[in-house]
Amino acid sequence: MSKKISTYTEFWPYYLGEHTNLVCRRLHFSGTTFAVITLVLFLVTKSPIFIALSILGGYGAAWVGHFLFEKNKPATFQYPLWSFYSDIRMYLLWLSGGLEKELKLNGVG
């Protein structure tokens, strides 16, 4: 990316464009699901290992998708908060069945 993105409105289409590969998106979804499950386990057990597992599993799966399948650098490295929010947004769109429409709306895929 050559120019620094200054608004979330600009970032969202960029984020989606960094997730054109279906395997990468599936790794994101599985990583986010794992992160949610391990956070729930933390709330139930109060064991801090589940916090570490949540972070490692969530980001690890997504980063494997970027490096091996998407062949790009995760946006998290430059835009950590917007990327985190966008991952949750993309996940919820996927769960609700609205992701394909959103991808098309933003010229992805």
N, C-alpha and C. Protein backbone atom coordinates (compact mmCIF):
# COMPACT_ATOMS: atom_id res chain seq x y z
N MET A 1 0.85 -1.16 0.00
CA MET A 1 0.00 0.00 0.00
C MET A 1 0.90 1.22 0.00
N SER A 2 0.62 2.14 -0.90
CA SER A 2 1.50 3.29 -1.04
C SER A 2 1.06 4.46 -0.16
N LYS A 3 -0.23 4.71 -0.04
CA LYS A 3 -0.70 5.87 0.70
C LYS A 3 -1.32 5.41 2.01
N LYS A 4 -1.07 6.16 3.06
CA LYS A 4 -1.63 5.85 4.38
C LYS A 4 -3.13 6.11 4.36
N ILE A 5 -3.88 5.15 4.83
CA ILE A 5 -5.33 5.28 4.91
C ILE A 5 -5.66 6.08 6.16
N SER A 6 -6.54 7.07 6.00
CA SER A 6 -6.80 7.96 7.14
C SER A 6 -8.19 7.81 7.74
N THR A 7 -9.10 7.09 7.08
CA THR A 7 -10.44 6.90 7.65
C THR A 7 -10.84 5.42 7.55
N TYR A 8 -11.73 5.02 8.43
CA TYR A 8 -12.20 3.64 8.37
C TYR A 8 -13.01 3.39 7.09
N THR A 9 -13.70 4.41 6.62
CA THR A 9 -14.46 4.28 5.37
C THR A 9 -13.54 3.89 4.21
N GLU A 10 -12.33 4.40 4.20
CA GLU A 10 -11.34 4.01 3.19
C GLU A 10 -10.76 2.62 3.49
N PHE A 11 -10.64 2.32 4.76
CA PHE A 11 -9.98 1.08 5.16
C PHE A 11 -10.80 -0.16 4.83
N TRP A 12 -12.11 -0.11 5.05
CA TRP A 12 -12.94 -1.31 4.90
C TRP A 12 -12.82 -1.94 3.51
N PRO A 13 -12.94 -1.20 2.40
CA PRO A 13 -12.75 -1.83 1.08
C PRO A 13 -11.33 -2.38 0.90
N TYR A 14 -10.35 -1.67 1.44
CA TYR A 14 -8.96 -2.15 1.39
C TYR A 14 -8.86 -3.49 2.13
N TYR A 15 -9.44 -3.56 3.32
CA TYR A 15 -9.40 -4.78 4.13
C TYR A 15 -10.03 -5.94 3.36
N LEU A 16 -11.20 -5.73 2.81
CA LEU A 16 -11.85 -6.79 2.05
C LEU A 16 -11.00 -7.22 0.86
N GLY A 17 -10.35 -6.26 0.22
CA GLY A 17 -9.48 -6.56 -0.92
C GLY A 17 -8.26 -7.38 -0.54
N GLU A 18 -7.90 -7.37 0.73
CA GLU A 18 -6.79 -8.17 1.23
C GLU A 18 -7.23 -9.59 1.60
N HIS A 19 -8.52 -9.87 1.37
CA HIS A 19 -9.09 -11.18 1.72
C HIS A 19 -9.85 -11.77 0.53
N THR A 20 -9.23 -11.77 -0.63
CA THR A 20 -9.88 -12.31 -1.82
C THR A 20 -9.83 -13.83 -1.87
N ASN A 21 -8.84 -14.42 -1.23
CA ASN A 21 -8.66 -15.87 -1.27
C ASN A 21 -9.60 -16.55 -0.28
N LEU A 22 -10.39 -17.51 -0.78
CA LEU A 22 -11.37 -18.20 0.06
C LEU A 22 -10.71 -18.95 1.21
N VAL A 23 -9.57 -19.58 0.98
CA VAL A 23 -8.88 -20.31 2.05
C VAL A 23 -8.45 -19.34 3.15
N CYS A 24 -7.96 -18.18 2.75
CA CYS A 24 -7.56 -17.17 3.74
C CYS A 24 -8.76 -16.76 4.59
N ARG A 25 -9.90 -16.51 3.94
CA ARG A 25 -11.10 -16.13 4.70
C ARG A 25 -11.54 -17.26 5.62
N ARG A 26 -11.48 -18.49 5.14
CA ARG A 26 -11.87 -19.62 6.00
C ARG A 26 -10.94 -19.76 7.20
N LEU A 27 -9.67 -19.50 7.00
CA LEU A 27 -8.74 -19.52 8.13
C LEU A 27 -9.07 -18.41 9.12
N HIS A 28 -9.46 -17.25 8.62
CA HIS A 28 -9.91 -16.16 9.50
C HIS A 28 -11.12 -16.61 10.31
N PHE A 29 -12.10 -17.21 9.65
CA PHE A 29 -13.32 -17.61 10.35
C PHE A 29 -13.03 -18.68 11.39
N SER A 30 -12.18 -19.65 11.05
CA SER A 30 -11.87 -20.69 12.03
C SER A 30 -11.06 -20.11 13.18
N GLY A 31 -10.14 -19.21 12.89
CA GLY A 31 -9.36 -18.57 13.95
C GLY A 31 -10.21 -17.72 14.87
N THR A 32 -11.14 -16.98 14.30
CA THR A 32 -12.03 -16.15 15.12
C THR A 32 -12.95 -17.02 15.96
N THR A 33 -13.46 -18.11 15.39
CA THR A 33 -14.30 -19.04 16.15
C THR A 33 -13.51 -19.63 17.32
N PHE A 34 -12.27 -20.04 17.05
CA PHE A 34 -11.41 -20.57 18.10
C PHE A 34 -11.18 -19.52 19.19
N ALA A 35 -10.94 -18.28 18.77
CA ALA A 35 -10.69 -17.20 19.74
C ALA A 35 -11.91 -16.97 20.63
N VAL A 36 -13.09 -16.98 20.05
CA VAL A 36 -14.32 -16.79 20.83
C VAL A 36 -14.50 -17.93 21.83
N ILE A 37 -14.31 -19.16 21.36
CA ILE A 37 -14.48 -20.33 22.24
C ILE A 37 -13.49 -20.27 23.40
N THR A 38 -12.23 -19.94 23.11
CA THR A 38 -11.24 -19.91 24.19
C THR A 38 -11.47 -18.73 25.13
N LEU A 39 -12.03 -17.63 24.64
CA LEU A 39 -12.38 -16.52 25.54
C LEU A 39 -13.53 -16.93 26.47
N VAL A 40 -14.49 -17.67 25.96
CA VAL A 40 -15.57 -18.18 26.81
C VAL A 40 -14.99 -19.13 27.86
N LEU A 41 -14.06 -19.99 27.45
CA LEU A 41 -13.41 -20.89 28.41
C LEU A 41 -12.66 -20.11 29.48
N PHE A 42 -12.05 -19.00 29.10
CA PHE A 42 -11.38 -18.15 30.09
C PHE A 42 -12.40 -17.61 31.10
N LEU A 43 -13.54 -17.13 30.59
CA LEU A 43 -14.56 -16.58 31.48
C LEU A 43 -15.09 -17.64 32.45
N VAL A 44 -15.17 -18.87 32.00
CA VAL A 44 -15.67 -19.96 32.84
C VAL A 44 -14.61 -20.42 33.84
N THR A 45 -13.38 -20.57 33.38
CA THR A 45 -12.33 -21.17 34.23
C THR A 45 -11.44 -20.14 34.92
N LYS A 46 -11.37 -18.95 34.38
CA LYS A 46 -10.46 -17.89 34.86
C LYS A 46 -8.99 -18.25 34.66
N SER A 47 -8.74 -19.24 33.82
CA SER A 47 -7.37 -19.67 33.55
C SER A 47 -6.76 -18.80 32.44
N PRO A 48 -5.67 -18.08 32.74
CA PRO A 48 -5.09 -17.17 31.76
C PRO A 48 -4.54 -17.87 30.50
N ILE A 49 -4.33 -19.16 30.55
CA ILE A 49 -3.85 -19.87 29.37
C ILE A 49 -4.82 -19.70 28.20
N PHE A 50 -6.11 -19.56 28.52
CA PHE A 50 -7.11 -19.41 27.47
C PHE A 50 -7.01 -18.05 26.77
N ILE A 51 -6.52 -17.05 27.46
CA ILE A 51 -6.28 -15.75 26.82
C ILE A 51 -5.16 -15.90 25.79
N ALA A 52 -4.09 -16.54 26.20
CA ALA A 52 -2.96 -16.76 25.29
C ALA A 52 -3.39 -17.61 24.09
N LEU A 53 -4.14 -18.67 24.35
CA LEU A 53 -4.62 -19.53 23.26
C LEU A 53 -5.53 -18.76 22.30
N SER A 54 -6.34 -17.88 22.83
CA SER A 54 -7.23 -17.09 22.01
C SER A 54 -6.46 -16.19 21.05
N ILE A 55 -5.46 -15.51 21.58
CA ILE A 55 -4.66 -14.61 20.76
C ILE A 55 -3.85 -15.40 19.73
N LEU A 56 -3.17 -16.44 20.18
CA LEU A 56 -2.35 -17.24 19.27
C LEU A 56 -3.18 -17.94 18.19
N GLY A 57 -4.28 -18.53 18.61
CA GLY A 57 -5.13 -19.24 17.65
C GLY A 57 -5.82 -18.32 16.68
N GLY A 58 -6.34 -17.22 17.19
CA GLY A 58 -7.05 -16.27 16.32
C GLY A 58 -6.14 -15.62 15.30
N TYR A 59 -5.08 -15.02 15.78
CA TYR A 59 -4.16 -14.35 14.85
C TYR A 59 -3.34 -15.35 14.05
N GLY A 60 -2.94 -16.45 14.67
CA GLY A 60 -2.13 -17.45 13.97
C GLY A 60 -2.81 -17.97 12.72
N ALA A 61 -4.06 -18.35 12.85
CA ALA A 61 -4.80 -18.88 11.69
C ALA A 61 -4.92 -17.83 10.59
N ALA A 62 -5.25 -16.61 10.98
CA ALA A 62 -5.40 -15.53 9.99
C ALA A 62 -4.08 -15.24 9.29
N TRP A 63 -3.00 -15.20 10.04
CA TRP A 63 -1.70 -14.87 9.44
C TRP A 63 -1.20 -15.98 8.52
N VAL A 64 -1.49 -17.22 8.86
CA VAL A 64 -1.16 -18.32 7.94
C VAL A 64 -1.90 -18.11 6.62
N GLY A 65 -3.16 -17.72 6.71
CA GLY A 65 -3.94 -17.44 5.51
C GLY A 65 -3.33 -16.35 4.66
N HIS A 66 -2.85 -15.31 5.30
CA HIS A 66 -2.25 -14.20 4.55
C HIS A 66 -0.91 -14.60 3.93
N PHE A 67 -0.05 -15.17 4.71
CA PHE A 67 1.29 -15.47 4.22
C PHE A 67 1.31 -16.60 3.19
N LEU A 68 0.52 -17.64 3.40
CA LEU A 68 0.58 -18.81 2.52
C LEU A 68 -0.41 -18.78 1.36
N PHE A 69 -1.58 -18.19 1.55
CA PHE A 69 -2.61 -18.26 0.53
C PHE A 69 -2.88 -16.92 -0.14
N GLU A 70 -2.96 -15.87 0.64
CA GLU A 70 -3.24 -14.55 0.09
C GLU A 70 -1.97 -13.91 -0.48
N LYS A 71 -0.83 -14.32 0.08
CA LYS A 71 0.49 -13.80 -0.33
C LYS A 71 0.59 -12.28 -0.10
N ASN A 72 0.09 -11.86 1.05
CA ASN A 72 0.23 -10.45 1.43
C ASN A 72 0.52 -10.34 2.92
N LYS A 73 0.81 -9.16 3.36
CA LYS A 73 1.11 -8.91 4.76
C LYS A 73 -0.18 -8.52 5.47
N PRO A 74 -0.50 -9.13 6.62
CA PRO A 74 -1.73 -8.79 7.33
C PRO A 74 -1.82 -7.29 7.64
N ALA A 75 -3.00 -6.73 7.43
CA ALA A 75 -3.23 -5.31 7.70
C ALA A 75 -3.06 -4.99 9.18
N THR A 76 -3.12 -6.01 10.02
CA THR A 76 -2.95 -5.84 11.46
C THR A 76 -1.63 -5.15 11.80
N PHE A 77 -0.61 -5.40 10.99
CA PHE A 77 0.70 -4.84 11.27
C PHE A 77 0.71 -3.32 11.15
N GLN A 78 -0.12 -2.78 10.26
CA GLN A 78 -0.14 -1.32 10.07
C GLN A 78 -1.38 -0.67 10.70
N TYR A 79 -2.48 -1.39 10.74
CA TYR A 79 -3.75 -0.85 11.24
C TYR A 79 -4.37 -1.84 12.25
N PRO A 80 -3.78 -2.00 13.42
CA PRO A 80 -4.23 -3.05 14.33
C PRO A 80 -5.69 -2.93 14.80
N LEU A 81 -6.14 -1.76 15.17
CA LEU A 81 -7.50 -1.63 15.69
C LEU A 81 -8.54 -1.77 14.59
N TRP A 82 -8.32 -1.10 13.47
CA TRP A 82 -9.26 -1.23 12.36
C TRP A 82 -9.29 -2.66 11.85
N SER A 83 -8.16 -3.34 11.85
CA SER A 83 -8.11 -4.72 11.39
C SER A 83 -8.89 -5.64 12.34
N PHE A 84 -8.71 -5.43 13.63
CA PHE A 84 -9.44 -6.24 14.61
C PHE A 84 -10.95 -6.04 14.44
N TYR A 85 -11.35 -4.79 14.36
CA TYR A 85 -12.77 -4.47 14.18
C TYR A 85 -13.29 -5.08 12.86
N SER A 86 -12.50 -4.97 11.80
CA SER A 86 -12.91 -5.49 10.50
C SER A 86 -12.99 -7.00 10.48
N ASP A 87 -12.13 -7.66 11.22
CA ASP A 87 -12.19 -9.11 11.31
C ASP A 87 -13.51 -9.53 11.95
N ILE A 88 -13.89 -8.84 13.02
CA ILE A 88 -15.16 -9.14 13.68
C ILE A 88 -16.32 -8.82 12.73
N ARG A 89 -16.23 -7.71 12.04
CA ARG A 89 -17.28 -7.31 11.08
C ARG A 89 -17.41 -8.36 9.96
N MET A 90 -16.28 -8.77 9.40
CA MET A 90 -16.30 -9.78 8.34
C MET A 90 -16.87 -11.10 8.87
N TYR A 91 -16.50 -11.47 10.08
CA TYR A 91 -16.98 -12.70 10.70
C TYR A 91 -18.51 -12.66 10.87
N LEU A 92 -19.02 -11.54 11.38
CA LEU A 92 -20.46 -11.41 11.58
C LEU A 92 -21.21 -11.40 10.25
N LEU A 93 -20.63 -10.77 9.25
CA LEU A 93 -21.23 -10.80 7.91
C LEU A 93 -21.28 -12.23 7.38
N TRP A 94 -20.21 -12.98 7.59
CA TRP A 94 -20.17 -14.37 7.17
C TRP A 94 -21.25 -15.18 7.88
N LEU A 95 -21.36 -15.00 9.22
CA LEU A 95 -22.36 -15.73 10.00
C LEU A 95 -23.79 -15.41 9.54
N SER A 96 -24.02 -14.16 9.18
CA SER A 96 -25.36 -13.73 8.79
C SER A 96 -25.67 -13.99 7.32
N GLY A 97 -24.67 -14.45 6.58
CA GLY A 97 -24.89 -14.72 5.15
C GLY A 97 -24.73 -13.50 4.27
N GLY A 98 -24.22 -12.41 4.80
CA GLY A 98 -24.11 -11.18 4.03
C GLY A 98 -22.73 -10.88 3.47
N LEU A 99 -21.76 -11.76 3.69
CA LEU A 99 -20.40 -11.45 3.27
C LEU A 99 -20.24 -11.39 1.75
N GLU A 100 -20.82 -12.33 1.04
CA GLU A 100 -20.68 -12.33 -0.42
C GLU A 100 -21.21 -11.04 -1.03
N LYS A 101 -22.34 -10.58 -0.53
CA LYS A 101 -22.91 -9.31 -1.01
C LYS A 101 -21.96 -8.14 -0.72
N GLU A 102 -21.40 -8.13 0.47
CA GLU A 102 -20.47 -7.06 0.86
C GLU A 102 -19.20 -7.08 0.02
N LEU A 103 -18.70 -8.28 -0.26
CA LEU A 103 -17.52 -8.40 -1.12
C LEU A 103 -17.81 -7.83 -2.51
N LYS A 104 -18.94 -8.21 -3.09
CA LYS A 104 -19.32 -7.71 -4.41
C LYS A 104 -19.52 -6.21 -4.40
N LEU A 105 -20.19 -5.72 -3.35
CA LEU A 105 -20.44 -4.28 -3.22
C LEU A 105 -19.14 -3.49 -3.22
N ASN A 106 -18.07 -4.09 -2.69
CA ASN A 106 -16.77 -3.43 -2.60
C ASN A 106 -15.80 -3.87 -3.70
N GLY A 107 -16.33 -4.54 -4.72
CA GLY A 107 -15.52 -4.92 -5.87
C GLY A 107 -14.51 -6.02 -5.61
N VAL A 108 -14.80 -6.89 -4.66
CA VAL A 108 -13.89 -7.98 -4.32
C VAL A 108 -14.50 -9.30 -4.80
N GLY A 109 -13.66 -10.10 -5.47
CA GLY A 109 -14.12 -11.41 -5.92
C GLY A 109 -14.84 -11.29 -7.20
